[in-house]
């Protein structure tokens, strides 16, 4: 999940971003299935120590929140109010060039 998220953030053109977004959606579906199974384990009375299960579930839910924010950023239109009010994104390679020029 994290590696796919980094690929989206470093993608240069729109087609790459779309492809990585579809990969990220597949990963989030897997995480959702795992979360559901963890919920089932939490309700199981045979399992005594539920702290590791709870921690894993919280981690998955944090990743899902990250996905939600990433999806919101990617779906923001460039000339909408929120898109115009957001700070312009600078490509990391372009940023390195700027620092090298100075």
C-alpha atoms as a PDB file:
ATOM      1  CA  UNK A   1       0.000   0.000   0.000  1.00  0.00           C
ATOM      2  CA  UNK A   2       2.682   2.496   1.003  1.00  0.00           C
ATOM      3  CA  UNK A   3       4.814   1.828  -2.064  1.00  0.00           C
ATOM      4  CA  UNK A   4       1.822   2.362  -4.361  1.00  0.00           C
ATOM      5  CA  UNK A   5       0.999   5.581  -2.530  1.00  0.00           C
ATOM      6  CA  UNK A   6       4.558   6.826  -3.086  1.00  0.00           C
ATOM      7  CA  UNK A   7       4.278   5.935  -6.783  1.00  0.00           C
ATOM      8  CA  UNK A   8       1.111   8.048  -7.073  1.00  0.00           C
ATOM      9  CA  UNK A   9       2.778  11.001  -5.411  1.00  0.00           C
ATOM     10  CA  UNK A  10       5.815  10.782  -7.674  1.00  0.00           C
ATOM     11  CA  UNK A  11       3.882  10.089 -10.900  1.00  0.00           C
ATOM     12  CA  UNK A  12       4.483  12.654 -13.598  1.00  0.00           C
ATOM     13  CA  UNK A  13       1.626  12.245 -16.059  1.00  0.00           C
ATOM     14  CA  UNK A  14      -2.062  11.585 -15.586  1.00  0.00           C
ATOM     15  CA  UNK A  15      -2.134   8.088 -17.101  1.00  0.00           C
ATOM     16  CA  UNK A  16       0.453   6.855 -14.604  1.00  0.00           C
ATOM     17  CA  UNK A  17      -1.533   8.359 -11.749  1.00  0.00           C
ATOM     18  CA  UNK A  18      -4.714   6.667 -12.939  1.00  0.00           C
ATOM     19  CA  UNK A  19      -2.992   3.295 -13.194  1.00  0.00           C
ATOM     20  CA  UNK A  20      -1.500   3.642  -9.718  1.00  0.00           C
ATOM     21  CA  UNK A  21      -4.867   4.761  -8.353  1.00  0.00           C
ATOM     22  CA  UNK A  22      -6.457   1.557  -9.633  1.00  0.00           C
ATOM     23  CA  UNK A  23      -3.666  -0.449  -7.972  1.00  0.00           C
ATOM     24  CA  UNK A  24      -4.234   1.480  -4.763  1.00  0.00           C
ATOM     25  CA  UNK A  25      -7.961   0.730  -4.899  1.00  0.00           C
ATOM     26  CA  UNK A  26      -7.163  -2.981  -5.183  1.00  0.00           C
ATOM     27  CA  UNK A  27      -4.905  -2.716  -2.153  1.00  0.00           C
ATOM     28  CA  UNK A  28      -7.563  -0.883  -0.147  1.00  0.00           C
ATOM     29  CA  UNK A  29     -10.088  -3.609  -1.003  1.00  0.00           C
ATOM     30  CA  UNK A  30      -7.664  -6.192   0.402  1.00  0.00           C
ATOM     31  CA  UNK A  31      -7.223  -4.118   3.533  1.00  0.00           C
ATOM     32  CA  UNK A  32     -10.990  -3.849   3.937  1.00  0.00           C
ATOM     33  CA  UNK A  33     -11.314  -7.634   3.789  1.00  0.00           C
ATOM     34  CA  UNK A  34      -8.572  -8.029   6.375  1.00  0.00           C
ATOM     35  CA  UNK A  35     -10.251  -5.451   8.600  1.00  0.00           C
ATOM     36  CA  UNK A  36     -13.539  -7.350   8.421  1.00  0.00           C
ATOM     37  CA  UNK A  37     -11.815 -10.581   9.410  1.00  0.00           C
ATOM     38  CA  UNK A  38     -10.124  -8.764  12.308  1.00  0.00           C
ATOM     39  CA  UNK A  39     -13.514  -7.529  13.461  1.00  0.00           C
ATOM     40  CA  UNK A  40     -14.763 -11.108  13.422  1.00  0.00           C
ATOM     41  CA  UNK A  41     -11.767 -12.203  15.488  1.00  0.00           C
ATOM     42  CA  UNK A  42     -12.425  -9.424  17.986  1.00  0.00           C
ATOM     43  CA  UNK A  43     -15.939 -10.656  18.600  1.00  0.00           C
ATOM     44  CA  UNK A  44     -14.756 -14.257  18.985  1.00  0.00           C
ATOM     45  CA  UNK A  45     -14.952 -15.159  22.698  1.00  0.00           C
ATOM     46  CA  UNK A  46     -12.230 -17.826  22.381  1.00  0.00           C
ATOM     47  CA  UNK A  47      -9.519 -15.217  21.782  1.00  0.00           C
ATOM     48  CA  UNK A  48      -8.338 -13.724  25.060  1.00  0.00           C
ATOM     49  CA  UNK A  49      -5.622 -11.230  24.079  1.00  0.00           C
ATOM     50  CA  UNK A  50      -7.237  -8.823  21.651  1.00  0.00           C
ATOM     51  CA  UNK A  51      -4.671  -6.009  21.830  1.00  0.00           C
ATOM     52  CA  UNK A  52      -2.671  -7.104  18.738  1.00  0.00           C
ATOM     53  CA  UNK A  53      -5.900  -7.443  16.775  1.00  0.00           C
ATOM     54  CA  UNK A  54      -7.022  -3.988  17.853  1.00  0.00           C
ATOM     55  CA  UNK A  55      -3.653  -2.454  16.951  1.00  0.00           C
ATOM     56  CA  UNK A  56      -3.680  -4.088  13.504  1.00  0.00           C
ATOM     57  CA  UNK A  57      -7.200  -2.837  12.894  1.00  0.00           C
ATOM     58  CA  UNK A  58      -6.230   0.713  13.888  1.00  0.00           C
ATOM     59  CA  UNK A  59      -3.263   0.570  11.523  1.00  0.00           C
ATOM     60  CA  UNK A  60      -5.514  -0.532   8.673  1.00  0.00           C
ATOM     61  CA  UNK A  61      -8.010   2.218   9.456  1.00  0.00           C
ATOM     62  CA  UNK A  62      -5.187   4.794   9.421  1.00  0.00           C
ATOM     63  CA  UNK A  63      -4.139   3.555   5.984  1.00  0.00           C
ATOM     64  CA  UNK A  64      -7.739   3.825   4.829  1.00  0.00           C
ATOM     65  CA  UNK A  65      -7.868   7.435   6.034  1.00  0.00           C
ATOM     66  CA  UNK A  66      -4.657   8.115   4.115  1.00  0.00           C
ATOM     67  CA  UNK A  67      -6.256   6.613   1.016  1.00  0.00           C
ATOM     68  CA  UNK A  68      -9.316   8.815   1.485  1.00  0.00           C
ATOM     69  CA  UNK A  69      -7.157  11.949   1.656  1.00  0.00           C
ATOM     70  CA  UNK A  70      -5.126  10.878  -1.371  1.00  0.00           C
ATOM     71  CA  UNK A  71      -8.278  10.197  -3.362  1.00  0.00           C
ATOM     72  CA  UNK A  72      -9.690  13.596  -2.390  1.00  0.00           C
ATOM     73  CA  UNK A  73      -6.492  15.328  -3.554  1.00  0.00           C
ATOM     74  CA  UNK A  74      -6.493  13.484  -6.866  1.00  0.00           C
ATOM     75  CA  UNK A  75     -10.149  14.208  -7.565  1.00  0.00           C
ATOM     76  CA  UNK A  76      -9.853  17.940  -6.873  1.00  0.00           C
ATOM     77  CA  UNK A  77     -10.301  19.819 -10.115  1.00  0.00           C
ATOM     78  CA  UNK A  78      -7.490  22.227 -10.995  1.00  0.00           C
ATOM     79  CA  UNK A  79      -9.699  25.294 -11.388  1.00  0.00           C
ATOM     80  CA  UNK A  80     -12.198  24.668  -8.602  1.00  0.00           C
ATOM     81  CA  UNK A  81     -12.229  26.878  -5.514  1.00  0.00           C
ATOM     82  CA  UNK A  82     -10.357  24.327  -3.445  1.00  0.00           C
ATOM     83  CA  UNK A  83      -7.922  23.625  -6.271  1.00  0.00           C
ATOM     84  CA  UNK A  84      -7.115  27.292  -6.703  1.00  0.00           C
ATOM     85  CA  UNK A  85      -6.790  27.927  -2.977  1.00  0.00           C
ATOM     86  CA  UNK A  86      -4.380  24.997  -2.514  1.00  0.00           C
ATOM     87  CA  UNK A  87      -0.679  25.624  -2.762  1.00  0.00           C
ATOM     88  CA  UNK A  88       0.774  24.736  -6.150  1.00  0.00           C
ATOM     89  CA  UNK A  89       2.415  21.322  -6.210  1.00  0.00           C
ATOM     90  CA  UNK A  90       6.033  21.222  -7.268  1.00  0.00           C
ATOM     91  CA  UNK A  91       7.558  18.162  -8.850  1.00  0.00           C
ATOM     92  CA  UNK A  92      10.433  16.815  -6.671  1.00  0.00           C
ATOM     93  CA  UNK A  93      12.789  16.783  -9.651  1.00  0.00           C
ATOM     94  CA  UNK A  94      11.862  20.371 -10.464  1.00  0.00           C
ATOM     95  CA  UNK A  95      12.479  21.344  -6.858  1.00  0.00           C
ATOM     96  CA  UNK A  96      15.979  19.831  -7.021  1.00  0.00           C
ATOM     97  CA  UNK A  97      16.689  21.831 -10.169  1.00  0.00           C
ATOM     98  CA  UNK A  98      15.599  25.040  -8.466  1.00  0.00           C
ATOM     99  CA  UNK A  99      17.832  24.428  -5.468  1.00  0.00           C
ATOM    100  CA  UNK A 100      20.746  23.593  -7.762  1.00  0.00           C
ATOM    101  CA  UNK A 101      20.268  26.864  -9.660  1.00  0.00           C
ATOM    102  CA  UNK A 102      20.424  28.883  -6.457  1.00  0.00           C
END
